[in-house]
Amino acid sequence: MAETQKQYITPEMKAKLEGELQALIDNRPVIAAEINERREEGDLKENAGYDAAREQQDQAEARIKQISEVLANSTTERGELAEGVAHTGSVVHVYYNGDENDKETFLIGTRAAATGNKDLETYSEQSPLGAAVLGAQEGDTREYTAPNGNTITVTIVSAAPYDSEKAATPRASN
């Protein structure tokens, strides 16, 4: 059986997901008690409180499953990432269509890799932009087709392994 490749997530996102998972697990007895309390009210067919408690339980269990799968299929390890080359787990500074004023800084990784830093967007390596810049070196220009069908050129200004302290700080232009 082939081993599935784990997706990169930042250490901060891993800690956030683990905290959310633990809170959901810790809240299970509270939800179960609510269901039991509502069940004792009588007729379950017309018991909005019971239905709401069961819905809350279903949503919590679905989120527990989702977070568990993300954590099981992800890693904070990136291996050897070269400075100056865009890899999964790299923070990339780019500009678009030859306009050095149209800049963006982003992390290449899954949405689960998102840092919680609202100034740092995350693009999957399977997204059109992520796939286009993957493996690109500083100074390289790549093209990709946007979801609206437009062809966009993107030039890599810099790429560096994710570092939570430096992630949203673009390098000064020369």
N, C-alpha and C. Protein backbone atom coordinates (compact mmCIF):
# COMPACT_ATOMS: atom_id res chain seq x y z
N MET A 1 0.84 -1.18 0.00
CA MET A 1 0.00 0.00 0.00
C MET A 1 0.89 1.24 0.00
N ALA A 2 0.59 2.18 -0.87
CA ALA A 2 1.39 3.40 -0.97
C ALA A 2 1.09 4.33 0.20
N GLU A 3 2.14 4.93 0.71
CA GLU A 3 1.98 5.88 1.81
C GLU A 3 1.55 7.22 1.24
N THR A 4 0.50 7.82 1.82
CA THR A 4 0.05 9.12 1.34
C THR A 4 1.00 10.19 1.86
N GLN A 5 1.24 11.18 1.00
CA GLN A 5 2.13 12.26 1.38
C GLN A 5 1.39 13.20 2.32
N LYS A 6 2.05 13.54 3.42
CA LYS A 6 1.44 14.43 4.39
C LYS A 6 1.56 15.86 3.92
N GLN A 7 0.54 16.64 4.21
CA GLN A 7 0.50 18.05 3.84
C GLN A 7 1.14 18.88 4.94
N TYR A 8 1.81 19.95 4.56
CA TYR A 8 2.45 20.84 5.52
C TYR A 8 1.43 21.75 6.20
N ILE A 9 1.53 21.87 7.53
CA ILE A 9 0.81 22.90 8.27
C ILE A 9 1.81 23.58 9.20
N THR A 10 1.55 24.83 9.50
CA THR A 10 2.45 25.56 10.38
C THR A 10 2.32 25.04 11.80
N PRO A 11 3.36 25.18 12.60
CA PRO A 11 3.26 24.76 14.01
C PRO A 11 2.13 25.49 14.74
N GLU A 12 1.91 26.77 14.40
CA GLU A 12 0.83 27.52 15.05
C GLU A 12 -0.53 26.94 14.72
N MET A 13 -0.73 26.56 13.45
CA MET A 13 -2.02 25.99 13.06
C MET A 13 -2.20 24.62 13.70
N LYS A 14 -1.14 23.85 13.81
CA LYS A 14 -1.25 22.55 14.46
C LYS A 14 -1.69 22.73 15.90
N ALA A 15 -1.08 23.67 16.61
CA ALA A 15 -1.45 23.92 18.01
C ALA A 15 -2.90 24.40 18.11
N LYS A 16 -3.31 25.26 17.18
CA LYS A 16 -4.68 25.77 17.18
C LYS A 16 -5.68 24.63 16.96
N LEU A 17 -5.40 23.77 15.98
CA LEU A 17 -6.28 22.64 15.69
C LEU A 17 -6.33 21.66 16.87
N GLU A 18 -5.18 21.40 17.47
CA GLU A 18 -5.15 20.49 18.62
C GLU A 18 -5.96 21.07 19.78
N GLY A 19 -5.88 22.39 19.99
CA GLY A 19 -6.66 23.03 21.04
C GLY A 19 -8.15 22.96 20.77
N GLU A 20 -8.53 23.22 19.52
CA GLU A 20 -9.94 23.13 19.14
C GLU A 20 -10.45 21.71 19.30
N LEU A 21 -9.66 20.73 18.87
CA LEU A 21 -10.05 19.33 19.00
C LEU A 21 -10.26 18.96 20.46
N GLN A 22 -9.34 19.34 21.31
CA GLN A 22 -9.46 19.01 22.74
C GLN A 22 -10.69 19.67 23.35
N ALA A 23 -10.98 20.91 22.97
CA ALA A 23 -12.17 21.61 23.49
C ALA A 23 -13.44 20.90 23.05
N LEU A 24 -13.48 20.45 21.80
CA LEU A 24 -14.65 19.72 21.31
C LEU A 24 -14.83 18.40 22.05
N ILE A 25 -13.73 17.69 22.26
CA ILE A 25 -13.80 16.42 22.99
C ILE A 25 -14.23 16.65 24.43
N ASP A 26 -13.67 17.68 25.05
CA ASP A 26 -14.03 18.00 26.44
C ASP A 26 -15.50 18.40 26.57
N ASN A 27 -16.09 18.92 25.49
CA ASN A 27 -17.49 19.37 25.53
C ASN A 27 -18.49 18.25 25.26
N ARG A 28 -18.03 17.07 24.87
CA ARG A 28 -18.93 15.96 24.59
C ARG A 28 -19.88 15.66 25.75
N PRO A 29 -19.39 15.57 27.01
CA PRO A 29 -20.32 15.27 28.11
C PRO A 29 -21.39 16.35 28.30
N VAL A 30 -21.06 17.59 28.02
CA VAL A 30 -22.02 18.68 28.16
C VAL A 30 -23.15 18.50 27.13
N ILE A 31 -22.77 18.20 25.90
CA ILE A 31 -23.77 17.99 24.85
C ILE A 31 -24.61 16.75 25.16
N ALA A 32 -23.97 15.68 25.61
CA ALA A 32 -24.71 14.45 25.96
C ALA A 32 -25.70 14.72 27.09
N ALA A 33 -25.30 15.51 28.08
CA ALA A 33 -26.20 15.85 29.18
C ALA A 33 -27.38 16.67 28.67
N GLU A 34 -27.13 17.58 27.76
CA GLU A 34 -28.19 18.40 27.16
C GLU A 34 -29.18 17.51 26.42
N ILE A 35 -28.68 16.55 25.65
CA ILE A 35 -29.55 15.63 24.92
C ILE A 35 -30.41 14.84 25.90
N ASN A 36 -29.80 14.31 26.95
CA ASN A 36 -30.56 13.54 27.95
C ASN A 36 -31.61 14.40 28.64
N GLU A 37 -31.25 15.62 28.96
CA GLU A 37 -32.19 16.53 29.61
C GLU A 37 -33.38 16.81 28.70
N ARG A 38 -33.12 17.05 27.43
CA ARG A 38 -34.20 17.33 26.47
C ARG A 38 -35.03 16.08 26.19
N ARG A 39 -34.39 14.91 26.22
CA ARG A 39 -35.10 13.65 25.99
C ARG A 39 -36.14 13.43 27.09
N GLU A 40 -35.83 13.83 28.31
CA GLU A 40 -36.73 13.64 29.44
C GLU A 40 -37.94 14.57 29.40
N GLU A 41 -37.92 15.54 28.49
CA GLU A 41 -39.04 16.46 28.38
C GLU A 41 -40.25 15.82 27.72
N GLY A 42 -40.07 14.66 27.12
CA GLY A 42 -41.23 13.98 26.55
C GLY A 42 -41.08 13.72 25.07
N ASP A 43 -42.18 13.93 24.36
CA ASP A 43 -42.31 13.61 22.95
C ASP A 43 -41.13 14.16 22.13
N LEU A 44 -40.34 13.25 21.55
CA LEU A 44 -39.15 13.66 20.80
C LEU A 44 -39.50 14.17 19.41
N LYS A 45 -40.70 13.83 18.89
CA LYS A 45 -41.07 14.25 17.55
C LYS A 45 -41.28 15.76 17.45
N GLU A 46 -41.69 16.37 18.54
CA GLU A 46 -41.95 17.81 18.53
C GLU A 46 -41.14 18.52 19.61
N ASN A 47 -39.90 18.09 19.78
CA ASN A 47 -39.04 18.65 20.83
C ASN A 47 -37.89 19.40 20.16
N ALA A 48 -38.09 20.69 19.98
CA ALA A 48 -37.08 21.52 19.30
C ALA A 48 -35.77 21.54 20.07
N GLY A 49 -35.83 21.54 21.39
CA GLY A 49 -34.61 21.55 22.20
C GLY A 49 -33.79 20.29 21.98
N TYR A 50 -34.47 19.15 21.89
CA TYR A 50 -33.80 17.88 21.64
C TYR A 50 -33.17 17.88 20.25
N ASP A 51 -33.93 18.35 19.26
CA ASP A 51 -33.42 18.40 17.88
C ASP A 51 -32.18 19.30 17.80
N ALA A 52 -32.24 20.44 18.49
CA ALA A 52 -31.11 21.38 18.48
C ALA A 52 -29.88 20.76 19.14
N ALA A 53 -30.08 20.05 20.24
CA ALA A 53 -28.96 19.41 20.93
C ALA A 53 -28.34 18.31 20.07
N ARG A 54 -29.17 17.55 19.39
CA ARG A 54 -28.67 16.49 18.50
C ARG A 54 -27.91 17.11 17.31
N GLU A 55 -28.42 18.22 16.78
CA GLU A 55 -27.74 18.90 15.68
C GLU A 55 -26.38 19.42 16.14
N GLN A 56 -26.33 19.97 17.35
CA GLN A 56 -25.07 20.46 17.91
C GLN A 56 -24.08 19.30 18.06
N GLN A 57 -24.58 18.16 18.51
CA GLN A 57 -23.73 16.99 18.65
C GLN A 57 -23.21 16.53 17.29
N ASP A 58 -24.09 16.49 16.28
CA ASP A 58 -23.67 16.08 14.94
C ASP A 58 -22.59 17.00 14.38
N GLN A 59 -22.78 18.31 14.57
CA GLN A 59 -21.80 19.28 14.08
C GLN A 59 -20.46 19.13 14.80
N ALA A 60 -20.51 18.94 16.10
CA ALA A 60 -19.28 18.77 16.88
C ALA A 60 -18.53 17.51 16.45
N GLU A 61 -19.26 16.42 16.26
CA GLU A 61 -18.63 15.16 15.86
C GLU A 61 -18.05 15.26 14.45
N ALA A 62 -18.73 15.97 13.56
CA ALA A 62 -18.20 16.16 12.21
C ALA A 62 -16.91 16.98 12.26
N ARG A 63 -16.89 18.01 13.10
CA ARG A 63 -15.68 18.84 13.21
C ARG A 63 -14.54 18.04 13.85
N ILE A 64 -14.85 17.22 14.84
CA ILE A 64 -13.83 16.36 15.46
C ILE A 64 -13.20 15.45 14.40
N LYS A 65 -14.05 14.87 13.57
CA LYS A 65 -13.56 13.98 12.52
C LYS A 65 -12.69 14.76 11.52
N GLN A 66 -13.15 15.95 11.13
CA GLN A 66 -12.41 16.77 10.17
C GLN A 66 -11.04 17.16 10.72
N ILE A 67 -11.00 17.64 11.95
CA ILE A 67 -9.72 18.05 12.55
C ILE A 67 -8.80 16.85 12.72
N SER A 68 -9.35 15.74 13.16
CA SER A 68 -8.55 14.52 13.34
C SER A 68 -7.91 14.09 12.03
N GLU A 69 -8.66 14.18 10.93
CA GLU A 69 -8.12 13.80 9.62
C GLU A 69 -7.03 14.76 9.17
N VAL A 70 -7.24 16.06 9.40
CA VAL A 70 -6.22 17.04 9.03
C VAL A 70 -4.94 16.76 9.80
N LEU A 71 -5.06 16.55 11.11
CA LEU A 71 -3.87 16.31 11.93
C LEU A 71 -3.19 15.00 11.55
N ALA A 72 -3.97 13.98 11.24
CA ALA A 72 -3.39 12.68 10.88
C ALA A 72 -2.66 12.73 9.55
N ASN A 73 -3.11 13.62 8.67
CA ASN A 73 -2.54 13.69 7.32
C ASN A 73 -1.66 14.91 7.09
N SER A 74 -1.13 15.47 8.16
CA SER A 74 -0.30 16.66 8.01
C SER A 74 0.97 16.53 8.84
N THR A 75 1.88 17.44 8.56
CA THR A 75 3.14 17.47 9.27
C THR A 75 3.63 18.91 9.37
N THR A 76 4.40 19.18 10.40
CA THR A 76 5.04 20.49 10.51
C THR A 76 6.48 20.40 9.99
N GLU A 77 6.89 19.21 9.60
CA GLU A 77 8.25 18.99 9.06
C GLU A 77 8.25 19.32 7.58
N ARG A 78 9.27 20.01 7.13
CA ARG A 78 9.36 20.38 5.73
C ARG A 78 10.57 19.78 5.04
N GLY A 79 11.40 19.11 5.77
CA GLY A 79 12.63 18.60 5.16
C GLY A 79 13.54 19.76 4.84
N GLU A 80 14.40 19.56 3.89
CA GLU A 80 15.34 20.61 3.49
C GLU A 80 14.70 21.51 2.45
N LEU A 81 14.45 22.74 2.82
CA LEU A 81 13.92 23.73 1.89
C LEU A 81 15.02 24.72 1.56
N ALA A 82 15.26 24.90 0.30
CA ALA A 82 16.30 25.84 -0.12
C ALA A 82 15.78 27.27 -0.04
N GLU A 83 16.57 28.13 0.50
CA GLU A 83 16.27 29.56 0.50
C GLU A 83 16.27 30.02 -0.96
N GLY A 84 15.27 30.83 -1.32
CA GLY A 84 15.22 31.36 -2.68
C GLY A 84 14.45 30.50 -3.67
N VAL A 85 13.90 29.36 -3.22
CA VAL A 85 13.12 28.49 -4.09
C VAL A 85 11.76 28.27 -3.44
N ALA A 86 10.68 28.39 -4.22
CA ALA A 86 9.32 28.24 -3.71
C ALA A 86 8.98 26.75 -3.57
N HIS A 87 8.77 26.34 -2.34
CA HIS A 87 8.38 24.96 -2.02
C HIS A 87 7.15 24.99 -1.13
N THR A 88 6.52 23.84 -0.94
CA THR A 88 5.46 23.74 0.06
C THR A 88 6.10 24.07 1.40
N GLY A 89 5.47 24.97 2.13
CA GLY A 89 6.03 25.41 3.41
C GLY A 89 6.88 26.65 3.28
N SER A 90 6.91 27.25 2.07
CA SER A 90 7.66 28.49 1.85
C SER A 90 6.74 29.69 1.87
N VAL A 91 7.27 30.79 2.35
CA VAL A 91 6.59 32.08 2.22
C VAL A 91 7.18 32.73 0.98
N VAL A 92 6.31 33.11 0.06
CA VAL A 92 6.73 33.60 -1.24
C VAL A 92 6.24 35.04 -1.41
N HIS A 93 7.13 35.91 -1.86
CA HIS A 93 6.80 37.30 -2.17
C HIS A 93 6.85 37.43 -3.68
N VAL A 94 5.75 37.90 -4.29
CA VAL A 94 5.65 37.97 -5.75
C VAL A 94 5.08 39.32 -6.19
N TYR A 95 5.19 39.59 -7.49
CA TYR A 95 4.40 40.66 -8.10
C TYR A 95 3.79 40.10 -9.38
N TYR A 96 2.70 40.76 -9.82
CA TYR A 96 1.89 40.23 -10.91
C TYR A 96 1.98 41.08 -12.18
N ASN A 97 1.95 40.39 -13.32
CA ASN A 97 1.85 41.01 -14.65
C ASN A 97 2.86 42.13 -14.87
N GLY A 98 4.07 41.95 -14.35
CA GLY A 98 5.13 42.92 -14.56
C GLY A 98 5.00 44.20 -13.75
N ASP A 99 3.98 44.29 -12.91
CA ASP A 99 3.75 45.50 -12.11
C ASP A 99 4.32 45.30 -10.71
N GLU A 100 5.48 45.89 -10.44
CA GLU A 100 6.14 45.70 -9.15
C GLU A 100 5.36 46.31 -7.99
N ASN A 101 4.33 47.10 -8.30
CA ASN A 101 3.48 47.64 -7.23
C ASN A 101 2.32 46.70 -6.89
N ASP A 102 2.08 45.70 -7.73
CA ASP A 102 1.01 44.72 -7.50
C ASP A 102 1.64 43.49 -6.85
N LYS A 103 1.92 43.62 -5.53
CA LYS A 103 2.66 42.60 -4.80
C LYS A 103 1.74 41.76 -3.92
N GLU A 104 2.21 40.57 -3.60
CA GLU A 104 1.51 39.71 -2.65
C GLU A 104 2.52 38.82 -1.96
N THR A 105 2.24 38.52 -0.71
CA THR A 105 3.03 37.58 0.07
C THR A 105 2.10 36.47 0.50
N PHE A 106 2.53 35.22 0.32
CA PHE A 106 1.67 34.10 0.68
C PHE A 106 2.49 32.88 1.09
N LEU A 107 1.83 31.97 1.75
CA LEU A 107 2.40 30.69 2.17
C LEU A 107 1.90 29.63 1.19
N ILE A 108 2.79 28.75 0.75
CA ILE A 108 2.36 27.62 -0.08
C ILE A 108 2.08 26.46 0.85
N GLY A 109 0.86 25.99 0.86
CA GLY A 109 0.44 24.88 1.71
C GLY A 109 -1.05 24.70 1.63
N THR A 110 -1.61 23.83 2.43
CA THR A 110 -3.05 23.62 2.43
C THR A 110 -3.72 24.71 3.24
N ARG A 111 -5.02 24.86 3.08
CA ARG A 111 -5.77 25.83 3.89
C ARG A 111 -5.57 25.53 5.37
N ALA A 112 -5.38 24.28 5.69
CA ALA A 112 -5.14 23.92 7.09
C ALA A 112 -3.80 24.45 7.57
N ALA A 113 -2.94 24.81 6.63
CA ALA A 113 -1.63 25.35 7.01
C ALA A 113 -1.74 26.81 7.42
N ALA A 114 -2.86 27.43 7.11
CA ALA A 114 -3.01 28.86 7.39
C ALA A 114 -2.53 29.19 8.79
N THR A 115 -1.90 30.33 8.90
CA THR A 115 -1.23 30.69 10.14
C THR A 115 -2.10 31.41 11.13
N GLY A 116 -3.23 31.91 10.71
CA GLY A 116 -4.01 32.77 11.57
C GLY A 116 -3.56 34.22 11.42
N ASN A 117 -2.50 34.44 10.67
CA ASN A 117 -1.99 35.77 10.38
C ASN A 117 -2.80 36.30 9.19
N LYS A 118 -3.67 37.27 9.45
CA LYS A 118 -4.56 37.75 8.40
C LYS A 118 -3.82 38.44 7.26
N ASP A 119 -2.55 38.78 7.44
CA ASP A 119 -1.76 39.40 6.39
C ASP A 119 -1.05 38.38 5.50
N LEU A 120 -1.18 37.11 5.82
CA LEU A 120 -0.49 36.07 5.06
C LEU A 120 -1.51 35.08 4.51
N GLU A 121 -1.80 35.22 3.22
CA GLU A 121 -2.71 34.31 2.53
C GLU A 121 -2.03 32.96 2.38
N THR A 122 -2.81 31.91 2.22
CA THR A 122 -2.28 30.57 1.99
C THR A 122 -2.85 30.04 0.69
N TYR A 123 -1.97 29.54 -0.19
CA TYR A 123 -2.40 28.93 -1.45
C TYR A 123 -1.91 27.49 -1.47
N SER A 124 -2.81 26.60 -1.84
CA SER A 124 -2.47 25.19 -1.98
C SER A 124 -1.50 25.01 -3.13
N GLU A 125 -0.66 24.00 -3.01
CA GLU A 125 0.25 23.69 -4.11
C GLU A 125 -0.52 23.16 -5.32
N GLN A 126 -1.80 22.80 -5.15
CA GLN A 126 -2.63 22.36 -6.27
C GLN A 126 -3.41 23.52 -6.90
N SER A 127 -3.42 24.69 -6.27
CA SER A 127 -4.12 25.85 -6.83
C SER A 127 -3.36 26.32 -8.07
N PRO A 128 -4.02 27.05 -8.98
CA PRO A 128 -3.30 27.53 -10.16
C PRO A 128 -2.04 28.33 -9.81
N LEU A 129 -2.14 29.25 -8.86
CA LEU A 129 -0.99 30.06 -8.46
C LEU A 129 0.06 29.20 -7.77
N GLY A 130 -0.36 28.38 -6.82
CA GLY A 130 0.58 27.53 -6.09
C GLY A 130 1.35 26.60 -7.01
N ALA A 131 0.63 25.96 -7.94
CA ALA A 131 1.27 25.04 -8.88
C ALA A 131 2.24 25.79 -9.80
N ALA A 132 1.88 27.02 -10.17
CA ALA A 132 2.75 27.79 -11.07
C ALA A 132 4.07 28.17 -10.42
N VAL A 133 4.04 28.52 -9.14
CA VAL A 133 5.28 29.00 -8.52
C VAL A 133 6.09 27.89 -7.87
N LEU A 134 5.50 26.73 -7.67
CA LEU A 134 6.21 25.63 -7.02
C LEU A 134 7.50 25.32 -7.78
N GLY A 135 8.61 25.37 -7.08
CA GLY A 135 9.92 25.09 -7.69
C GLY A 135 10.58 26.30 -8.33
N ALA A 136 9.85 27.42 -8.40
CA ALA A 136 10.43 28.62 -9.01
C ALA A 136 11.47 29.24 -8.09
N GLN A 137 12.47 29.86 -8.70
CA GLN A 137 13.52 30.53 -7.95
C GLN A 137 13.30 32.04 -8.00
N GLU A 138 13.95 32.74 -7.08
CA GLU A 138 13.86 34.19 -7.06
C GLU A 138 14.22 34.74 -8.42
N GLY A 139 13.40 35.66 -8.93
CA GLY A 139 13.62 36.26 -10.24
C GLY A 139 12.89 35.55 -11.37
N ASP A 140 12.45 34.30 -11.16
CA ASP A 140 11.72 33.57 -12.19
C ASP A 140 10.34 34.19 -12.40
N THR A 141 9.88 34.15 -13.64
CA THR A 141 8.52 34.57 -13.97
C THR A 141 7.80 33.35 -14.52
N ARG A 142 6.59 33.12 -14.02
CA ARG A 142 5.78 31.98 -14.44
C ARG A 142 4.41 32.49 -14.87
N GLU A 143 3.70 31.70 -15.66
CA GLU A 143 2.34 32.01 -16.06
C GLU A 143 1.40 30.95 -15.53
N TYR A 144 0.16 31.38 -15.26
CA TYR A 144 -0.88 30.44 -14.90
C TYR A 144 -2.22 30.99 -15.37
N THR A 145 -3.19 30.11 -15.47
CA THR A 145 -4.53 30.52 -15.86
C THR A 145 -5.39 30.63 -14.61
N ALA A 146 -5.93 31.81 -14.40
CA ALA A 146 -6.79 32.06 -13.25
C ALA A 146 -8.14 31.38 -13.46
N PRO A 147 -8.91 31.17 -12.41
CA PRO A 147 -10.22 30.53 -12.55
C PRO A 147 -11.15 31.26 -13.54
N ASN A 148 -10.95 32.57 -13.72
CA ASN A 148 -11.79 33.32 -14.66
C ASN A 148 -11.32 33.18 -16.11
N GLY A 149 -10.24 32.40 -16.33
CA GLY A 149 -9.74 32.15 -17.67
C GLY A 149 -8.62 33.08 -18.11
N ASN A 150 -8.33 34.12 -17.35
CA ASN A 150 -7.26 35.05 -17.70
C ASN A 150 -5.89 34.42 -17.43
N THR A 151 -4.93 34.73 -18.30
CA THR A 151 -3.55 34.29 -18.09
C THR A 151 -2.85 35.37 -17.28
N ILE A 152 -2.20 34.98 -16.21
CA ILE A 152 -1.53 35.90 -15.30
C ILE A 152 -0.07 35.51 -15.22
N THR A 153 0.81 36.51 -15.25
CA THR A 153 2.23 36.24 -15.02
C THR A 153 2.55 36.65 -13.59
N VAL A 154 3.40 35.87 -12.98
CA VAL A 154 3.80 36.12 -11.60
C VAL A 154 5.32 36.01 -11.54
N THR A 155 5.95 36.99 -10.90
CA THR A 155 7.40 37.01 -10.77
C THR A 155 7.75 36.82 -9.29
N ILE A 156 8.64 35.88 -9.02
CA ILE A 156 9.04 35.59 -7.65
C ILE A 156 10.10 36.60 -7.23
N VAL A 157 9.80 37.35 -6.17
CA VAL A 157 10.74 38.31 -5.60
C VAL A 157 11.63 37.59 -4.60
N SER A 158 11.01 36.79 -3.72
CA SER A 158 11.78 36.01 -2.75
C SER A 158 10.95 34.83 -2.29
N ALA A 159 11.63 33.82 -1.79
CA ALA A 159 10.99 32.64 -1.23
C ALA A 159 11.87 32.15 -0.09
N ALA A 160 11.24 31.86 1.03
CA ALA A 160 12.00 31.40 2.19
C ALA A 160 11.15 30.43 2.99
N PRO A 161 11.78 29.47 3.66
CA PRO A 161 11.03 28.57 4.52
C PRO A 161 10.21 29.37 5.54
N TYR A 162 9.00 28.90 5.83
CA TYR A 162 8.13 29.57 6.77
C TYR A 162 8.81 29.76 8.11
N ASP A 163 8.74 30.96 8.64
CA ASP A 163 9.24 31.30 9.96
C ASP A 163 8.20 32.23 10.55
N SER A 164 7.55 31.82 11.63
CA SER A 164 6.42 32.57 12.16
C SER A 164 6.77 34.02 12.50
N GLU A 165 8.01 34.30 12.83
CA GLU A 165 8.39 35.67 13.16
C GLU A 165 8.61 36.54 11.94
N LYS A 166 8.94 35.94 10.80
CA LYS A 166 9.26 36.71 9.60
C LYS A 166 8.21 36.57 8.50
N ALA A 167 7.24 35.72 8.68
CA ALA A 167 6.35 35.31 7.60
C ALA A 167 5.68 36.45 6.86
N ALA A 168 5.20 37.44 7.53
CA ALA A 168 4.44 38.49 6.85
C ALA A 168 5.27 39.73 6.57
N THR A 169 6.57 39.65 6.72
CA THR A 169 7.42 40.81 6.50
C THR A 169 8.13 40.70 5.16
N PRO A 170 7.63 41.39 4.12
CA PRO A 170 8.29 41.30 2.82
C PRO A 170 9.68 41.90 2.87
N ARG A 171 10.57 41.36 2.07
CA ARG A 171 11.93 41.91 1.98
C ARG A 171 11.84 43.25 1.25
N ALA A 172 12.75 44.12 1.58
CA ALA A 172 12.80 45.41 0.90
C ALA A 172 13.19 45.20 -0.55
N SER A 173 12.56 45.94 -1.46
CA SER A 173 12.90 45.85 -2.88
C SER A 173 14.21 46.55 -3.15
N ASN A 174 14.97 46.03 -4.09
CA ASN A 174 16.24 46.68 -4.48
C ASN A 174 16.03 47.63 -5.61
